Amino acid sequence: MKTLHCLIAGLRPACSSAANRIAIPLLLLGAGLGLVQPCAGFSLQFEETGSLATGREGAKAILLPNGQVLVAGGSSRTISLADAELYDPASETWSTTGSLIVPTYNHTATLLLNGKVLVVGGFSTGVLNTAQLYDPATGTWSATGSLATARSNHTATLLADGTVLVAAGFDSSYNTLDSAELYDPATGTWTTVGQLVRRRTNHVASLLPDGKVLVAGGNDANGNPIANAEIYDPASGTWSATGRLGIVRTKPSATLLLNGLVLVAGGQGNNGILAGAELYDPASGIWSPTGPLPLALYGHTATLLPNGMVLVTGGQTGTIVANAEIYNPRSGTWRSTSSLTTPRFLHTATLLRNGKVLIAAGESTGGIDVASAELGVRIAQ
């Protein structure tokens, strides 16, 4: 019997549209979650690949429909960047593409169903209310409708109907927000939607298999880490509270697993950097602890692999690290794999169509913003 991740891989050639990339995983989640069988001996090694033209941290990376990776914005030596670059997996090289209209850092980037990329808000000389669209066909950016409220350190989630939910963050006066807005690509306009239960910034958001959105953790209006979580229902446009995290945390990673649970790992709490990890069950609305990371981390990346495991790379644990850890959802445990070639923090990680993971840029030891990139490649067992 084929495993679920094999079924996904087998469907990829016939499913080129962005709409199918959302619909098929959701369909399969409901069809055969028990089939996922991660391999206990699975390991990766990391190999250097072409370098970006510009070192940067806090950039956003998007896998485009053509298989290339767009890396846009971020900062270098505290200056927000406008330039963007493309990685070609076939040649393992980077090339520059059109620059953002407005440089930005702490923004969001979302691949729309039409294949364009929406970059929202962030920080430049101040907090931005801008929204910018990248067209891979022309390699250029264009302005689209502006947010009702300038915001940074927010989240953006592509909903099943193709609209984009932008939630919370902080505004141009650095007030923590409880507002949310919905972007309609058909009209290029924003609409204010239901108010969140709790003001928050530096939180995480995940699209659940039922089409609702889970928002968890972050900082409250006083800058304190919180454990609150809530659900956005696109059908009613409203927010409602759900189970609280087991511990307050801000800036963790969040990953929707193939079994429909959401893994939240690391981050910062009241007593420093966290190693703990938790699982959210949408069916019960309850969080439960799972195996802790080998290292306490924040500013790391978390990537869902085709076999259902989760790769966590880099981050900050008092010092910037090159560690790479793999989470097995079947056993609820983590295992270290080969280290990155370069310690990284606030970098990007993108699963390529060939199954490799592209790790790019970030801040490295000594506070240097690096332009290097590397590939996580499976080691034959």
Protein backbone atom coordinates (compact mmCIF):
# COMPACT_ATOMS: atom_id res chain seq x y z
CA MET A 1 0.00 0.00 0.00
CA LYS A 2 1.33 3.42 -0.88
CA THR A 3 2.00 5.89 1.91
CA LEU A 4 0.25 9.25 1.88
CA HIS A 5 3.40 11.14 0.95
CA CYS A 6 3.83 8.83 -2.05
CA LEU A 7 0.28 9.63 -3.13
CA ILE A 8 1.06 13.33 -2.94
CA ALA A 9 4.23 12.90 -4.97
CA GLY A 10 2.37 10.90 -7.59
CA LEU A 11 -0.21 13.62 -8.05
CA ARG A 12 2.26 16.50 -8.48
CA PRO A 13 2.85 16.20 -12.24
CA ALA A 14 -0.87 16.45 -12.97
CA CYS A 15 -1.44 19.34 -10.59
CA SER A 16 0.34 22.45 -11.76
CA SER A 17 -2.08 25.10 -10.59
CA ALA A 18 -1.76 26.87 -7.26
CA ALA A 19 -5.38 26.00 -6.52
CA ASN A 20 -4.61 22.29 -6.72
CA ARG A 21 -1.58 22.71 -4.49
CA ILE A 22 -3.98 23.77 -1.74
CA ALA A 23 -6.94 21.52 -2.54
CA ILE A 24 -5.11 18.21 -2.92
CA PRO A 25 -3.23 18.22 0.43
CA LEU A 26 -6.49 19.11 2.19
CA LEU A 27 -8.29 16.30 0.37
CA LEU A 28 -5.60 13.78 1.22
CA LEU A 29 -5.54 14.84 4.86
CA GLY A 30 -9.10 13.67 5.17
CA ALA A 31 -8.56 10.52 3.13
CA GLY A 32 -5.72 8.57 4.66
CA LEU A 33 -3.84 10.07 7.55
CA GLY A 34 -3.04 6.69 9.03
CA LEU A 35 -0.92 5.81 6.00
CA VAL A 36 1.92 8.20 6.84
CA GLN A 37 4.89 6.19 8.02
CA PRO A 38 8.00 8.36 8.47
CA CYS A 39 11.26 6.47 8.21
CA ALA A 40 13.16 6.44 11.52
CA GLY A 41 16.53 6.42 9.73
CA PHE A 42 15.78 9.45 7.55
CA SER A 43 18.72 11.92 7.45
CA LEU A 44 19.84 14.96 5.50
CA GLN A 45 23.20 16.45 4.69
CA PHE A 46 23.79 20.06 3.68
CA GLU A 47 25.78 21.18 0.64
CA GLU A 48 26.64 24.70 -0.45
CA THR A 49 24.86 26.05 -3.52
CA GLY A 50 25.00 29.41 -5.33
CA SER A 51 25.04 32.58 -3.23
CA LEU A 52 22.64 35.51 -3.36
CA ALA A 53 23.92 38.85 -4.58
CA THR A 54 22.96 40.49 -1.26
CA GLY A 55 23.31 39.22 2.29
CA ARG A 56 20.06 39.64 4.21
CA GLU A 57 18.08 38.52 7.25
CA GLY A 58 14.33 38.38 7.73
CA ALA A 59 13.67 37.96 4.00
CA LYS A 60 10.68 35.94 2.77
CA ALA A 61 11.01 33.03 0.34
CA ILE A 62 8.27 31.70 -1.94
CA LEU A 63 8.32 28.63 -4.20
CA LEU A 64 6.92 29.84 -7.52
CA PRO A 65 4.75 27.73 -9.85
CA ASN A 66 7.72 27.35 -12.24
CA GLY A 67 9.81 25.71 -9.51
CA GLN A 68 12.08 28.69 -8.90
CA VAL A 69 12.32 30.39 -5.50
CA LEU A 70 11.71 34.10 -4.98
CA VAL A 71 13.52 35.72 -2.04
CA ALA A 72 12.36 39.29 -1.39
CA GLY A 73 13.04 42.09 1.06
CA GLY A 74 14.55 41.68 4.51
CA SER A 75 17.26 43.81 6.01
CA SER A 76 21.02 44.19 5.83
CA ARG A 77 22.84 46.05 8.59
CA THR A 78 19.43 47.27 9.86
CA ILE A 79 18.50 48.82 6.49
CA SER A 80 15.31 47.47 4.89
CA LEU A 81 15.86 46.06 1.41
CA ALA A 82 13.86 46.39 -1.80
CA ASP A 83 15.83 44.00 -3.98
CA ALA A 84 14.61 40.51 -4.83
CA GLU A 85 16.36 37.45 -6.24
CA LEU A 86 15.41 34.17 -7.92
CA TYR A 87 16.97 30.76 -7.30
CA ASP A 88 16.94 28.26 -10.17
CA PRO A 89 17.19 24.67 -8.85
CA ALA A 90 18.21 23.38 -12.31
CA SER A 91 21.39 25.50 -12.46
CA GLU A 92 21.72 26.09 -8.69
CA THR A 93 22.26 29.79 -9.38
CA TRP A 94 20.67 33.07 -8.29
CA SER A 95 19.67 35.98 -10.51
CA THR A 96 18.27 39.39 -9.65
CA THR A 97 14.69 40.21 -10.52
CA GLY A 98 12.58 43.34 -10.20
CA SER A 99 12.92 45.29 -6.96
CA LEU A 100 10.03 45.90 -4.58
CA ILE A 101 8.41 49.30 -4.96
CA VAL A 102 8.90 49.89 -1.22
CA PRO A 103 11.73 48.24 0.76
CA THR A 104 10.43 46.19 3.67
CA TYR A 105 11.35 43.98 6.61
CA ASN A 106 9.09 41.97 8.95
CA HIS A 107 6.61 41.75 6.09
CA THR A 108 4.64 38.74 4.85
CA ALA A 109 4.77 37.07 1.42
CA THR A 110 1.97 34.87 0.07
CA LEU A 111 1.67 32.91 -3.17
CA LEU A 112 -1.76 33.65 -4.65
CA LEU A 113 -3.84 31.20 -6.67
CA ASN A 114 -3.07 33.20 -9.83
CA GLY A 115 0.67 32.56 -9.37
CA LYS A 116 1.53 36.08 -8.27
CA VAL A 117 3.14 36.88 -4.91
CA LEU A 118 1.57 39.31 -2.45
CA VAL A 119 3.92 41.16 -0.08
CA VAL A 120 2.15 43.00 2.73
CA GLY A 121 3.19 45.65 5.24
CA GLY A 122 6.37 45.40 7.27
CA PHE A 123 8.83 48.07 8.28
CA SER A 124 10.87 50.52 6.19
CA THR A 125 11.44 54.01 7.59
CA GLY A 126 8.22 53.30 9.49
CA VAL A 127 5.47 50.71 9.61
CA LEU A 128 3.90 50.23 6.17
CA ASN A 129 0.33 49.93 4.93
CA THR A 130 1.51 48.94 1.46
CA ALA A 131 0.72 45.81 -0.52
CA GLN A 132 2.85 44.82 -3.50
CA LEU A 133 2.38 42.16 -6.19
CA TYR A 134 5.17 40.25 -7.95
CA ASP A 135 4.39 38.83 -11.39
CA PRO A 136 6.73 35.93 -12.25
CA ALA A 137 5.82 36.28 -15.93
CA THR A 138 7.33 39.76 -16.14
CA GLY A 139 9.65 39.79 -13.12
CA THR A 140 8.14 43.08 -11.97
CA TRP A 141 6.30 44.43 -8.92
CA SER A 142 3.16 46.56 -8.89
CA ALA A 143 1.22 48.29 -6.16
CA THR A 144 -2.15 46.93 -5.15
CA GLY A 145 -4.72 48.15 -2.63
CA SER A 146 -3.35 49.50 0.64
CA LEU A 147 -4.16 48.07 4.06
CA ALA A 148 -6.67 49.98 6.17
CA THR A 149 -4.11 49.80 9.01
CA ALA A 150 -0.33 49.86 8.65
CA ARG A 151 1.09 46.75 10.28
CA SER A 152 4.30 44.84 10.89
CA ASN A 153 5.05 41.49 12.59
CA HIS A 154 1.63 40.26 11.48
CA THR A 155 0.62 37.00 9.78
CA ALA A 156 -0.83 36.38 6.32
CA THR A 157 -2.75 33.21 5.43
CA LEU A 158 -4.04 32.13 2.02
CA LEU A 159 -7.60 30.89 2.46
CA ALA A 160 -9.25 28.15 0.40
CA ASP A 161 -11.22 30.68 -1.69
CA GLY A 162 -8.01 32.50 -2.74
CA THR A 163 -8.38 35.51 -0.45
CA VAL A 164 -5.63 36.38 2.05
CA LEU A 165 -6.24 36.92 5.76
CA VAL A 166 -3.84 39.37 7.42
CA ALA A 167 -4.06 39.37 11.20
CA ALA A 168 -2.83 41.50 14.12
CA GLY A 169 0.79 42.80 14.38
CA PHE A 170 1.61 46.34 15.43
CA ASP A 171 0.72 49.65 13.76
CA SER A 172 2.60 52.84 12.91
CA SER A 173 2.32 54.01 16.52
CA TYR A 174 3.66 50.61 17.68
CA ASN A 175 0.32 49.71 19.22
CA THR A 176 -0.39 45.96 19.24
CA LEU A 177 -3.40 45.21 17.06
CA ASP A 178 -6.48 43.00 17.32
CA SER A 179 -7.74 43.84 13.84
CA ALA A 180 -7.71 41.70 10.70
CA GLU A 181 -8.15 42.40 6.99
CA LEU A 182 -9.00 40.29 3.98
CA TYR A 183 -7.41 40.83 0.54
CA ASP A 184 -9.36 39.95 -2.58
CA PRO A 185 -7.03 39.34 -5.55
CA ALA A 186 -9.94 39.73 -7.98
CA THR A 187 -10.49 43.36 -7.00
CA GLY A 188 -7.14 44.24 -5.40
CA THR A 189 -8.96 45.59 -2.35
CA TRP A 190 -8.94 45.01 1.41
CA THR A 191 -11.93 44.52 3.71
CA THR A 192 -11.81 44.69 7.49
CA VAL A 193 -13.05 41.45 9.07
CA GLY A 194 -13.87 40.32 12.60
CA GLN A 195 -11.85 41.53 15.56
CA LEU A 196 -9.47 39.07 17.20
CA VAL A 197 -10.17 37.92 20.75
CA ARG A 198 -6.70 39.05 21.84
CA ARG A 199 -4.25 41.73 20.69
CA ARG A 200 -1.04 40.08 19.54
CA THR A 201 2.14 40.40 17.50
CA ASN A 202 4.95 37.93 16.68
CA HIS A 203 2.35 35.14 16.65
CA VAL A 204 1.94 32.21 14.25
CA ALA A 205 -0.96 31.30 11.96
CA SER A 206 -1.87 28.01 10.27
CA LEU A 207 -4.57 27.12 7.73
CA LEU A 208 -6.37 24.07 9.13
CA PRO A 209 -7.74 21.20 7.02
CA ASP A 210 -11.32 22.48 7.49
CA GLY A 211 -10.40 25.87 6.01
CA LYS A 212 -10.34 27.73 9.33
CA VAL A 213 -7.23 29.56 10.58
CA LEU A 214 -5.47 28.91 13.87
CA VAL A 215 -3.60 31.86 15.43
CA ALA A 216 -1.47 31.16 18.49
CA GLY A 217 0.95 32.79 20.89
CA GLY A 218 2.84 36.03 20.35
CA ASN A 219 3.23 39.14 22.47
CA ASP A 220 0.37 41.07 24.06
CA ALA A 221 -0.10 44.83 24.19
CA ASN A 222 2.46 45.04 27.00
CA GLY A 223 5.06 42.98 25.14
CA ASN A 224 4.54 39.89 27.29
CA PRO A 225 4.48 36.40 25.71
CA ILE A 226 1.01 34.84 25.73
CA ALA A 227 -0.50 31.37 25.56
CA ASN A 228 -3.82 32.37 24.02
CA ALA A 229 -4.96 30.82 20.76
CA GLU A 230 -7.99 31.52 18.58
CA ILE A 231 -9.74 30.40 15.41
CA TYR A 232 -10.90 32.46 12.43
CA ASP A 233 -13.93 31.08 10.60
CA PRO A 234 -14.09 32.34 6.98
CA ALA A 235 -17.76 31.35 6.74
CA SER A 236 -18.80 33.83 9.44
CA GLY A 237 -15.81 36.20 9.34
CA THR A 238 -15.48 35.89 13.12
CA TRP A 239 -12.84 34.86 15.68
CA SER A 240 -13.35 32.61 18.69
CA ALA A 241 -11.07 31.42 21.46
CA THR A 242 -9.72 27.88 21.45
CA GLY A 243 -7.49 25.91 23.84
CA ARG A 244 -4.48 27.71 25.30
CA LEU A 245 -0.91 26.66 24.66
CA GLY A 246 0.68 24.78 27.53
CA ILE A 247 3.21 27.60 27.98
CA VAL A 248 3.39 31.24 26.93
CA ARG A 249 5.51 31.64 23.81
CA THR A 250 6.31 34.20 21.13
CA LYS A 251 8.15 33.79 17.81
CA PRO A 252 7.82 30.00 17.65
CA SER A 253 7.48 28.01 14.42
CA ALA A 254 4.17 26.44 13.39
CA THR A 255 3.75 23.51 10.99
CA LEU A 256 0.58 21.78 9.78
CA LEU A 257 1.41 18.07 9.84
CA LEU A 258 0.04 15.49 7.42
CA ASN A 259 -2.05 14.04 10.25
CA GLY A 260 -3.92 17.34 10.56
CA LEU A 261 -2.31 18.40 13.85
CA VAL A 262 -0.32 21.64 14.18
CA LEU A 263 3.20 21.47 15.61
CA VAL A 264 4.38 24.60 17.44
CA ALA A 265 8.02 24.52 18.51
CA GLY A 266 10.53 26.74 20.26
CA GLY A 267 10.22 30.49 20.56
CA GLN A 268 10.69 32.72 23.58
CA GLY A 269 8.88 32.59 26.91
CA ASN A 270 8.92 34.40 30.23
CA ASN A 271 12.16 32.73 31.23
CA GLY A 272 14.06 32.89 27.97
CA ILE A 273 14.38 30.76 24.85
CA LEU A 274 12.24 27.62 24.68
CA ALA A 275 12.94 24.04 23.63
CA GLY A 276 9.42 22.77 24.28
CA ALA A 277 7.01 21.78 21.51
CA GLU A 278 3.23 21.30 21.46
CA LEU A 279 0.59 19.79 19.19
CA TYR A 280 -2.82 21.35 18.50
CA ASP A 281 -5.70 19.02 17.65
CA PRO A 282 -8.38 20.87 15.63
CA ALA A 283 -10.94 18.18 16.46
CA SER A 284 -10.74 18.81 20.21
CA GLY A 285 -9.25 22.30 20.31
CA ILE A 286 -6.69 21.02 22.81
CA TRP A 287 -2.89 21.37 22.94
CA SER A 288 -0.73 18.52 24.15
CA PRO A 289 3.03 18.39 24.76
CA THR A 290 5.30 16.48 22.41
CA GLY A 291 9.03 15.82 22.47
CA PRO A 292 11.14 18.95 23.08
CA LEU A 293 13.73 20.22 20.62
CA PRO A 294 17.30 19.15 21.43
CA LEU A 295 18.12 22.87 21.71
CA ALA A 296 16.08 25.85 22.86
CA LEU A 297 15.55 27.94 19.71
CA TYR A 298 13.88 30.93 18.13
CA GLY A 299 14.45 32.56 14.75
CA HIS A 300 14.67 29.06 13.29
CA THR A 301 12.83 27.61 10.29
CA ALA A 302 10.47 24.63 10.21
CA THR A 303 9.82 22.79 6.93
CA LEU A 304 7.32 19.98 6.33
CA LEU A 305 9.09 17.27 4.32
CA PRO A 306 7.40 14.98 1.77
CA ASN A 307 7.60 12.04 4.18
CA GLY A 308 5.64 13.94 6.85
CA MET A 309 8.62 14.74 9.04
CA VAL A 310 9.55 18.32 10.00
CA LEU A 311 13.01 19.80 9.48
CA VAL A 312 14.06 22.59 11.85
CA THR A 313 17.22 24.50 10.97
CA GLY A 314 19.40 27.12 12.62
CA GLY A 315 18.12 29.74 15.02
CA GLN A 316 19.29 31.50 18.13
CA THR A 317 20.00 29.78 21.43
CA GLY A 318 22.22 32.36 23.09
CA THR A 319 24.44 32.01 20.03
CA ILE A 320 23.50 31.49 16.40
CA VAL A 321 23.64 27.78 15.59
CA ALA A 322 24.06 25.49 12.58
CA ASN A 323 22.00 22.67 14.08
CA ALA A 324 19.40 20.78 12.08
CA GLU A 325 16.76 18.64 13.78
CA ILE A 326 14.12 16.29 12.39
CA TYR A 327 10.76 15.71 14.10
CA ASN A 328 9.04 12.37 13.64
CA PRO A 329 5.28 12.80 14.21
CA ARG A 330 4.83 9.06 14.60
CA SER A 331 7.12 8.85 17.65
CA GLY A 332 6.79 12.49 18.78
CA THR A 333 10.56 12.77 19.03
CA TRP A 334 13.37 14.84 17.54
CA ARG A 335 16.69 13.65 16.16
CA SER A 336 19.69 15.72 15.12
CA THR A 337 20.91 15.34 11.54
CA SER A 338 23.96 16.79 9.77
CA SER A 339 24.66 20.44 10.62
CA LEU A 340 24.25 23.36 8.25
CA THR A 341 27.41 24.52 6.51
CA THR A 342 26.84 27.99 8.05
CA PRO A 343 25.20 29.01 11.35
CA ARG A 344 22.01 30.96 10.51
CA PHE A 345 19.27 32.97 12.21
CA LEU A 346 16.24 34.63 10.58
CA HIS A 347 17.03 32.79 7.34
CA THR A 348 14.65 31.13 4.86
CA ALA A 349 13.91 27.47 4.15
CA THR A 350 12.01 26.26 1.08
CA LEU A 351 11.08 22.73 0.04
CA LEU A 352 11.91 22.38 -3.67
CA ARG A 353 10.05 20.17 -6.14
CA ASN A 354 13.02 17.78 -6.24
CA GLY A 355 12.64 17.13 -2.51
CA LYS A 356 15.70 19.14 -1.50
CA VAL A 357 15.42 21.99 1.00
CA LEU A 358 16.91 25.37 0.08
CA ILE A 359 18.34 27.23 3.10
CA ALA A 360 19.24 30.83 2.27
CA ALA A 361 20.70 34.00 3.76
CA GLY A 362 20.11 35.04 7.40
CA GLU A 363 22.27 36.47 10.14
CA SER A 364 25.34 34.44 11.05
CA THR A 365 28.02 34.46 13.74
CA GLY A 366 29.24 37.95 14.61
CA GLY A 367 26.01 39.59 13.44
CA ILE A 368 26.96 39.32 9.76
CA ASP A 369 24.14 39.12 7.21
CA VAL A 370 25.18 36.33 4.86
CA ALA A 371 24.41 35.80 1.17
CA SER A 372 25.31 32.11 1.14
CA ALA A 373 22.80 29.33 0.52
CA GLU A 374 22.82 25.57 0.93
CA LEU A 375 20.74 22.54 0.05
CA GLY A 376 19.49 19.86 2.41
CA VAL A 377 19.80 16.58 0.53
CA ARG A 378 18.57 13.20 1.70
CA ILE A 379 21.29 10.73 2.64
CA ALA A 380 20.77 7.19 1.38
CA GLN A 381 20.24 4.83 4.32
